[in-house]
Structure formats: structure tokens, C-alpha cells
Amino acid sequence: MIPGIGPITATALAATVPDPSMFRSGREFAAWLGLTPKQNSTGGKDRLGRITKQGDSYLRHLLVIGARNVVRYPKARSRVGGGWIEALLERRRPMVVAIAVANKLARIIWAMMTTGEFYRPKLAA
């Protein structure tokens, strides 16, 4: 079971996503959900803005709620990528970190749906 993803989110994803293989990558799936930053790039300078919010708002809302719980509770945080989230929390606000975690969860979900594997949490070093 993926931390932050409960039965409501899982069934909503299963019902809404037509075929996960139609996306080339997890990033494309996250962009379809509206969890990637808008790009305003020119002249070789990459300027990333807010999330696009162009995807399915219900799925995005469920993923962000789950990600906020992952960010909030250290036990769930350690199962997704505790060191990465801790370092991000030192630099950014918790809601920005939650969006980044939601993006990561969407990529994990896409990988699981395309390969058919179960979630294996990272082992503590």
C-alpha cells in the first residue's frame, strides 16, 4: 500500500485513468493530472511557475490530500523518501513540498499501473 493513497484515491484513479500505457512516462502522467509546473522558458533559462491545474481536479485534490498527510507524519514520510522530503521541507513551505510529493506519488502510481508490480517501500539505510 502506498502511503497517502487510500481506497478512495485508488478506486478513483482506476476508474478515471483509461489506459496507463497511453502515457510515455510518469512525468507525462503527472502532467495529465496537472501536477507539473508551468514552464516560461526562453533563451536557455528555465523558469518554472505554479502547477498548471489543467488535469482532473478531483484526482489532483485526492493526491494532494494524501501527499499532505505524508509530509505531515514522519512514519509515512520515511516510507516514501524521508531524506528527500526532509531536505525539501528545510527549503520550502509544507504545501509546496506536498505538491512535489503528490507529483512523486503520481509517478509511482503510473509505474505500478504499467508494470503491474506492488509497491515496495524504500528500506532504511
N, C-alpha and C. Protein backbone atom coordinates (compact mmCIF):
# COMPACT_ATOMS: atom_id res chain seq x y z
N MET A 1 0.84 -1.18 0.00
CA MET A 1 0.00 0.00 0.00
C MET A 1 0.89 1.24 0.00
N ILE A 2 0.60 2.15 -0.87
CA ILE A 2 1.38 3.38 -0.98
C ILE A 2 0.94 4.34 0.12
N PRO A 3 1.87 4.93 0.86
CA PRO A 3 1.48 5.92 1.87
C PRO A 3 0.80 7.12 1.20
N GLY A 4 -0.33 7.54 1.76
CA GLY A 4 -1.05 8.67 1.21
C GLY A 4 -2.10 8.31 0.18
N ILE A 5 -2.12 7.05 -0.24
CA ILE A 5 -3.10 6.60 -1.22
C ILE A 5 -4.00 5.59 -0.54
N GLY A 6 -5.25 5.96 -0.36
CA GLY A 6 -6.22 5.09 0.29
C GLY A 6 -7.14 4.46 -0.73
N PRO A 7 -8.18 3.80 -0.25
CA PRO A 7 -9.11 3.13 -1.17
C PRO A 7 -9.89 4.09 -2.05
N ILE A 8 -10.21 5.26 -1.57
CA ILE A 8 -10.97 6.22 -2.38
C ILE A 8 -10.11 6.72 -3.54
N THR A 9 -8.88 7.09 -3.25
CA THR A 9 -7.97 7.57 -4.30
C THR A 9 -7.67 6.45 -5.30
N ALA A 10 -7.44 5.25 -4.80
CA ALA A 10 -7.11 4.13 -5.68
C ALA A 10 -8.27 3.81 -6.63
N THR A 11 -9.49 3.78 -6.11
CA THR A 11 -10.62 3.48 -6.99
C THR A 11 -10.90 4.63 -7.96
N ALA A 12 -10.70 5.85 -7.51
CA ALA A 12 -10.90 6.99 -8.43
C ALA A 12 -9.87 6.96 -9.56
N LEU A 13 -8.63 6.61 -9.23
CA LEU A 13 -7.60 6.50 -10.27
C LEU A 13 -7.92 5.36 -11.23
N ALA A 14 -8.32 4.23 -10.68
CA ALA A 14 -8.63 3.07 -11.53
C ALA A 14 -9.81 3.36 -12.46
N ALA A 15 -10.77 4.13 -11.96
CA ALA A 15 -11.94 4.42 -12.77
C ALA A 15 -11.69 5.52 -13.79
N THR A 16 -10.80 6.45 -13.49
CA THR A 16 -10.61 7.61 -14.35
C THR A 16 -9.53 7.42 -15.41
N VAL A 17 -8.45 6.76 -15.05
CA VAL A 17 -7.34 6.58 -15.99
C VAL A 17 -7.72 5.50 -16.99
N PRO A 18 -7.85 5.85 -18.27
CA PRO A 18 -8.31 4.88 -19.25
C PRO A 18 -7.31 3.75 -19.48
N ASP A 19 -6.09 4.10 -19.83
CA ASP A 19 -5.06 3.11 -20.09
C ASP A 19 -3.72 3.74 -19.73
N PRO A 20 -3.04 3.25 -18.69
CA PRO A 20 -1.79 3.90 -18.28
C PRO A 20 -0.68 3.81 -19.33
N SER A 21 -0.78 2.87 -20.25
CA SER A 21 0.28 2.75 -21.27
C SER A 21 0.17 3.84 -22.34
N MET A 22 -0.90 4.63 -22.33
CA MET A 22 -1.01 5.72 -23.30
C MET A 22 -0.09 6.90 -22.94
N PHE A 23 0.44 6.88 -21.71
CA PHE A 23 1.40 7.89 -21.28
C PHE A 23 2.81 7.32 -21.47
N ARG A 24 3.70 8.13 -22.03
CA ARG A 24 5.06 7.66 -22.27
C ARG A 24 5.89 7.55 -21.01
N SER A 25 5.58 8.37 -20.02
CA SER A 25 6.38 8.37 -18.79
C SER A 25 5.51 8.80 -17.62
N GLY A 26 6.09 8.67 -16.44
CA GLY A 26 5.40 9.12 -15.24
C GLY A 26 5.23 10.63 -15.22
N ARG A 27 6.17 11.34 -15.82
CA ARG A 27 6.07 12.79 -15.88
C ARG A 27 4.89 13.21 -16.75
N GLU A 28 4.69 12.49 -17.84
CA GLU A 28 3.56 12.80 -18.71
C GLU A 28 2.23 12.51 -17.99
N PHE A 29 2.20 11.45 -17.19
CA PHE A 29 1.01 11.14 -16.40
C PHE A 29 0.74 12.23 -15.37
N ALA A 30 1.81 12.69 -14.69
CA ALA A 30 1.67 13.76 -13.70
C ALA A 30 1.22 15.06 -14.38
N ALA A 31 1.70 15.30 -15.59
CA ALA A 31 1.27 16.50 -16.32
C ALA A 31 -0.21 16.37 -16.71
N TRP A 32 -0.65 15.17 -17.04
CA TRP A 32 -2.06 14.95 -17.38
C TRP A 32 -2.95 15.23 -16.17
N LEU A 33 -2.43 14.96 -14.97
CA LEU A 33 -3.17 15.26 -13.74
C LEU A 33 -3.08 16.73 -13.36
N GLY A 34 -2.14 17.47 -13.95
CA GLY A 34 -1.97 18.89 -13.63
C GLY A 34 -1.04 19.13 -12.46
N LEU A 35 -0.07 18.24 -12.25
CA LEU A 35 0.84 18.36 -11.11
C LEU A 35 2.24 18.81 -11.49
N THR A 36 2.46 19.24 -12.71
CA THR A 36 3.78 19.70 -13.11
C THR A 36 3.78 21.22 -13.23
N PRO A 37 4.93 21.84 -13.00
CA PRO A 37 4.97 23.31 -13.08
C PRO A 37 4.86 23.82 -14.51
N LYS A 38 4.24 24.97 -14.64
CA LYS A 38 4.14 25.63 -15.94
C LYS A 38 5.51 26.19 -16.30
N GLN A 39 5.91 26.03 -17.55
CA GLN A 39 7.23 26.49 -17.97
C GLN A 39 7.11 27.79 -18.75
N ASN A 40 7.90 28.77 -18.35
CA ASN A 40 8.05 30.02 -19.09
C ASN A 40 9.53 30.16 -19.38
N SER A 41 10.01 29.40 -20.35
CA SER A 41 11.44 29.33 -20.63
C SER A 41 11.75 30.07 -21.93
N THR A 42 12.87 30.76 -21.90
CA THR A 42 13.33 31.46 -23.10
C THR A 42 14.83 31.67 -23.01
N GLY A 43 15.49 31.62 -24.13
CA GLY A 43 16.92 31.92 -24.18
C GLY A 43 17.78 31.00 -23.32
N GLY A 44 17.36 29.76 -23.15
CA GLY A 44 18.15 28.82 -22.37
C GLY A 44 17.93 28.91 -20.87
N LYS A 45 17.10 29.86 -20.42
CA LYS A 45 16.79 29.98 -18.98
C LYS A 45 15.48 29.27 -18.70
N ASP A 46 15.53 28.32 -17.78
CA ASP A 46 14.32 27.61 -17.40
C ASP A 46 13.66 28.33 -16.24
N ARG A 47 12.42 28.77 -16.45
CA ARG A 47 11.66 29.43 -15.39
C ARG A 47 10.40 28.60 -15.16
N LEU A 48 10.33 27.98 -14.00
CA LEU A 48 9.18 27.16 -13.67
C LEU A 48 8.25 27.93 -12.76
N GLY A 49 6.97 27.88 -13.06
CA GLY A 49 5.98 28.60 -12.27
C GLY A 49 5.15 27.67 -11.40
N ARG A 50 3.90 28.04 -11.20
CA ARG A 50 2.98 27.24 -10.39
C ARG A 50 2.54 26.00 -11.17
N ILE A 51 1.85 25.07 -10.47
CA ILE A 51 1.35 23.90 -11.18
C ILE A 51 0.26 24.35 -12.16
N THR A 52 0.09 23.58 -13.22
CA THR A 52 -0.77 24.01 -14.31
C THR A 52 -2.25 23.91 -13.97
N LYS A 53 -2.65 22.96 -13.14
CA LYS A 53 -4.05 22.75 -12.76
C LYS A 53 -4.94 22.49 -13.96
N GLN A 54 -4.40 21.86 -15.00
CA GLN A 54 -5.21 21.62 -16.19
C GLN A 54 -5.77 20.21 -16.25
N GLY A 55 -5.41 19.35 -15.35
CA GLY A 55 -5.88 17.97 -15.39
C GLY A 55 -7.17 17.78 -14.64
N ASP A 56 -7.37 16.58 -14.18
CA ASP A 56 -8.57 16.22 -13.43
C ASP A 56 -8.45 16.79 -12.02
N SER A 57 -9.30 17.72 -11.68
CA SER A 57 -9.18 18.41 -10.38
C SER A 57 -9.50 17.48 -9.21
N TYR A 58 -10.40 16.52 -9.40
CA TYR A 58 -10.74 15.62 -8.31
C TYR A 58 -9.57 14.70 -7.97
N LEU A 59 -8.94 14.11 -9.00
CA LEU A 59 -7.78 13.25 -8.75
C LEU A 59 -6.63 14.03 -8.15
N ARG A 60 -6.40 15.23 -8.68
CA ARG A 60 -5.32 16.06 -8.16
C ARG A 60 -5.58 16.41 -6.70
N HIS A 61 -6.82 16.72 -6.36
CA HIS A 61 -7.19 17.05 -4.99
C HIS A 61 -6.94 15.86 -4.06
N LEU A 62 -7.32 14.66 -4.48
CA LEU A 62 -7.09 13.47 -3.67
C LEU A 62 -5.60 13.19 -3.48
N LEU A 63 -4.82 13.35 -4.54
CA LEU A 63 -3.38 13.12 -4.44
C LEU A 63 -2.71 14.14 -3.52
N VAL A 64 -3.14 15.39 -3.59
CA VAL A 64 -2.55 16.43 -2.74
C VAL A 64 -2.92 16.19 -1.28
N ILE A 65 -4.14 15.76 -1.00
CA ILE A 65 -4.52 15.46 0.38
C ILE A 65 -3.66 14.32 0.92
N GLY A 66 -3.49 13.27 0.13
CA GLY A 66 -2.64 12.16 0.56
C GLY A 66 -1.20 12.59 0.75
N ALA A 67 -0.71 13.45 -0.13
CA ALA A 67 0.67 13.93 -0.02
C ALA A 67 0.85 14.82 1.20
N ARG A 68 -0.17 15.60 1.54
CA ARG A 68 -0.08 16.43 2.75
C ARG A 68 0.04 15.57 4.00
N ASN A 69 -0.67 14.44 4.02
CA ASN A 69 -0.54 13.52 5.15
C ASN A 69 0.83 12.88 5.19
N VAL A 70 1.40 12.58 4.05
CA VAL A 70 2.75 12.02 4.01
C VAL A 70 3.75 13.03 4.55
N VAL A 71 3.60 14.28 4.16
CA VAL A 71 4.52 15.32 4.62
C VAL A 71 4.34 15.56 6.12
N ARG A 72 3.13 15.44 6.59
CA ARG A 72 2.84 15.76 7.99
C ARG A 72 3.36 14.71 8.97
N TYR A 73 3.25 13.43 8.61
CA TYR A 73 3.58 12.36 9.54
C TYR A 73 4.92 11.71 9.19
N PRO A 74 5.87 11.71 10.14
CA PRO A 74 7.21 11.18 9.86
C PRO A 74 7.23 9.70 9.48
N LYS A 75 6.33 8.88 10.03
CA LYS A 75 6.32 7.46 9.73
C LYS A 75 5.99 7.22 8.25
N ALA A 76 5.00 7.94 7.73
CA ALA A 76 4.66 7.83 6.31
C ALA A 76 5.74 8.46 5.45
N ARG A 77 6.33 9.53 5.96
CA ARG A 77 7.38 10.24 5.22
C ARG A 77 8.58 9.33 4.97
N SER A 78 8.93 8.52 5.96
CA SER A 78 10.10 7.65 5.81
C SER A 78 9.85 6.54 4.81
N ARG A 79 8.59 6.17 4.57
CA ARG A 79 8.28 5.09 3.63
C ARG A 79 8.29 5.56 2.18
N VAL A 80 8.16 6.85 1.94
CA VAL A 80 8.13 7.36 0.57
C VAL A 80 9.50 7.87 0.13
N GLY A 81 10.22 8.49 1.01
CA GLY A 81 11.52 9.06 0.68
C GLY A 81 11.84 10.13 1.70
N GLY A 82 12.04 9.70 2.93
CA GLY A 82 12.15 10.61 4.06
C GLY A 82 13.24 11.65 3.93
N GLY A 83 14.43 11.26 3.51
CA GLY A 83 15.54 12.21 3.40
C GLY A 83 15.27 13.29 2.38
N TRP A 84 14.68 12.90 1.26
CA TRP A 84 14.37 13.86 0.21
C TRP A 84 13.32 14.86 0.70
N ILE A 85 12.29 14.35 1.38
CA ILE A 85 11.23 15.23 1.88
C ILE A 85 11.75 16.13 2.99
N GLU A 86 12.58 15.59 3.88
CA GLU A 86 13.15 16.40 4.96
C GLU A 86 13.98 17.55 4.39
N ALA A 87 14.82 17.26 3.41
CA ALA A 87 15.64 18.31 2.81
C ALA A 87 14.79 19.36 2.12
N LEU A 88 13.71 18.92 1.49
CA LEU A 88 12.82 19.86 0.81
C LEU A 88 12.07 20.73 1.81
N LEU A 89 11.69 20.14 2.96
CA LEU A 89 10.99 20.91 3.99
C LEU A 89 11.86 22.00 4.60
N GLU A 90 13.17 21.81 4.60
CA GLU A 90 14.06 22.84 5.12
C GLU A 90 14.12 24.05 4.19
N ARG A 91 13.86 23.83 2.89
CA ARG A 91 13.98 24.92 1.92
C ARG A 91 12.64 25.52 1.50
N ARG A 92 11.57 24.75 1.55
CA ARG A 92 10.28 25.19 1.01
C ARG A 92 9.17 25.08 2.05
N ARG A 93 8.04 25.74 1.74
CA ARG A 93 6.85 25.66 2.59
C ARG A 93 6.24 24.27 2.50
N PRO A 94 5.52 23.84 3.53
CA PRO A 94 4.95 22.49 3.52
C PRO A 94 3.99 22.22 2.37
N MET A 95 3.22 23.20 1.93
CA MET A 95 2.27 22.96 0.84
C MET A 95 3.01 22.75 -0.49
N VAL A 96 4.11 23.46 -0.69
CA VAL A 96 4.91 23.28 -1.90
C VAL A 96 5.52 21.88 -1.90
N VAL A 97 5.97 21.44 -0.73
CA VAL A 97 6.52 20.10 -0.60
C VAL A 97 5.43 19.06 -0.86
N ALA A 98 4.21 19.33 -0.41
CA ALA A 98 3.11 18.40 -0.63
C ALA A 98 2.81 18.23 -2.12
N ILE A 99 2.91 19.31 -2.88
CA ILE A 99 2.69 19.22 -4.33
C ILE A 99 3.79 18.39 -4.97
N ALA A 100 5.02 18.57 -4.52
CA ALA A 100 6.13 17.77 -5.05
C ALA A 100 5.95 16.29 -4.70
N VAL A 101 5.49 16.01 -3.50
CA VAL A 101 5.25 14.62 -3.10
C VAL A 101 4.08 14.05 -3.90
N ALA A 102 3.05 14.84 -4.16
CA ALA A 102 1.92 14.38 -4.98
C ALA A 102 2.39 14.04 -6.38
N ASN A 103 3.30 14.83 -6.92
CA ASN A 103 3.88 14.55 -8.23
C ASN A 103 4.64 13.22 -8.18
N LYS A 104 5.40 13.01 -7.12
CA LYS A 104 6.16 11.76 -6.98
C LYS A 104 5.21 10.57 -6.82
N LEU A 105 4.14 10.74 -6.06
CA LEU A 105 3.16 9.67 -5.89
C LEU A 105 2.50 9.32 -7.22
N ALA A 106 2.19 10.34 -8.03
CA ALA A 106 1.59 10.10 -9.34
C ALA A 106 2.53 9.29 -10.22
N ARG A 107 3.82 9.58 -10.16
CA ARG A 107 4.80 8.82 -10.95
C ARG A 107 4.91 7.39 -10.46
N ILE A 108 4.86 7.20 -9.14
CA ILE A 108 4.89 5.85 -8.57
C ILE A 108 3.65 5.07 -9.02
N ILE A 109 2.50 5.72 -8.98
CA ILE A 109 1.25 5.07 -9.38
C ILE A 109 1.30 4.67 -10.85
N TRP A 110 1.81 5.56 -11.69
CA TRP A 110 1.92 5.24 -13.11
C TRP A 110 2.83 4.03 -13.32
N ALA A 111 3.96 3.99 -12.63
CA ALA A 111 4.88 2.87 -12.77
C ALA A 111 4.22 1.56 -12.32
N MET A 112 3.47 1.63 -11.24
CA MET A 112 2.79 0.43 -10.75
C MET A 112 1.71 -0.03 -11.73
N MET A 113 0.97 0.91 -12.30
CA MET A 113 -0.10 0.53 -13.23
C MET A 113 0.45 -0.04 -14.53
N THR A 114 1.58 0.47 -15.00
CA THR A 114 2.12 -0.03 -16.27
C THR A 114 2.84 -1.35 -16.11
N THR A 115 3.53 -1.56 -14.98
CA THR A 115 4.28 -2.81 -14.81
C THR A 115 3.47 -3.89 -14.10
N GLY A 116 2.45 -3.51 -13.34
CA GLY A 116 1.66 -4.49 -12.60
C GLY A 116 2.31 -4.93 -11.30
N GLU A 117 3.35 -4.25 -10.87
CA GLU A 117 4.04 -4.62 -9.64
C GLU A 117 3.35 -3.98 -8.43
N PHE A 118 3.70 -4.49 -7.25
CA PHE A 118 3.23 -3.93 -5.99
C PHE A 118 4.22 -2.89 -5.50
N TYR A 119 3.76 -2.03 -4.59
CA TYR A 119 4.63 -1.00 -4.03
C TYR A 119 5.58 -1.62 -3.01
N ARG A 120 6.85 -1.32 -3.19
CA ARG A 120 7.88 -1.75 -2.24
C ARG A 120 8.50 -0.52 -1.64
N PRO A 121 8.26 -0.26 -0.34
CA PRO A 121 8.84 0.93 0.28
C PRO A 121 10.36 0.84 0.35
N LYS A 122 10.99 2.00 0.34
CA LYS A 122 12.45 2.05 0.43
C LYS A 122 12.88 1.57 1.80
N LEU A 123 13.93 0.79 1.82
CA LEU A 123 14.47 0.31 3.09
C LEU A 123 15.34 1.38 3.70
N ALA A 124 15.28 1.50 5.04
CA ALA A 124 16.09 2.48 5.75
C ALA A 124 17.56 2.08 5.67
N ALA A 125 18.41 3.05 5.47
CA ALA A 125 19.85 2.76 5.35
C ALA A 125 20.48 2.59 6.71
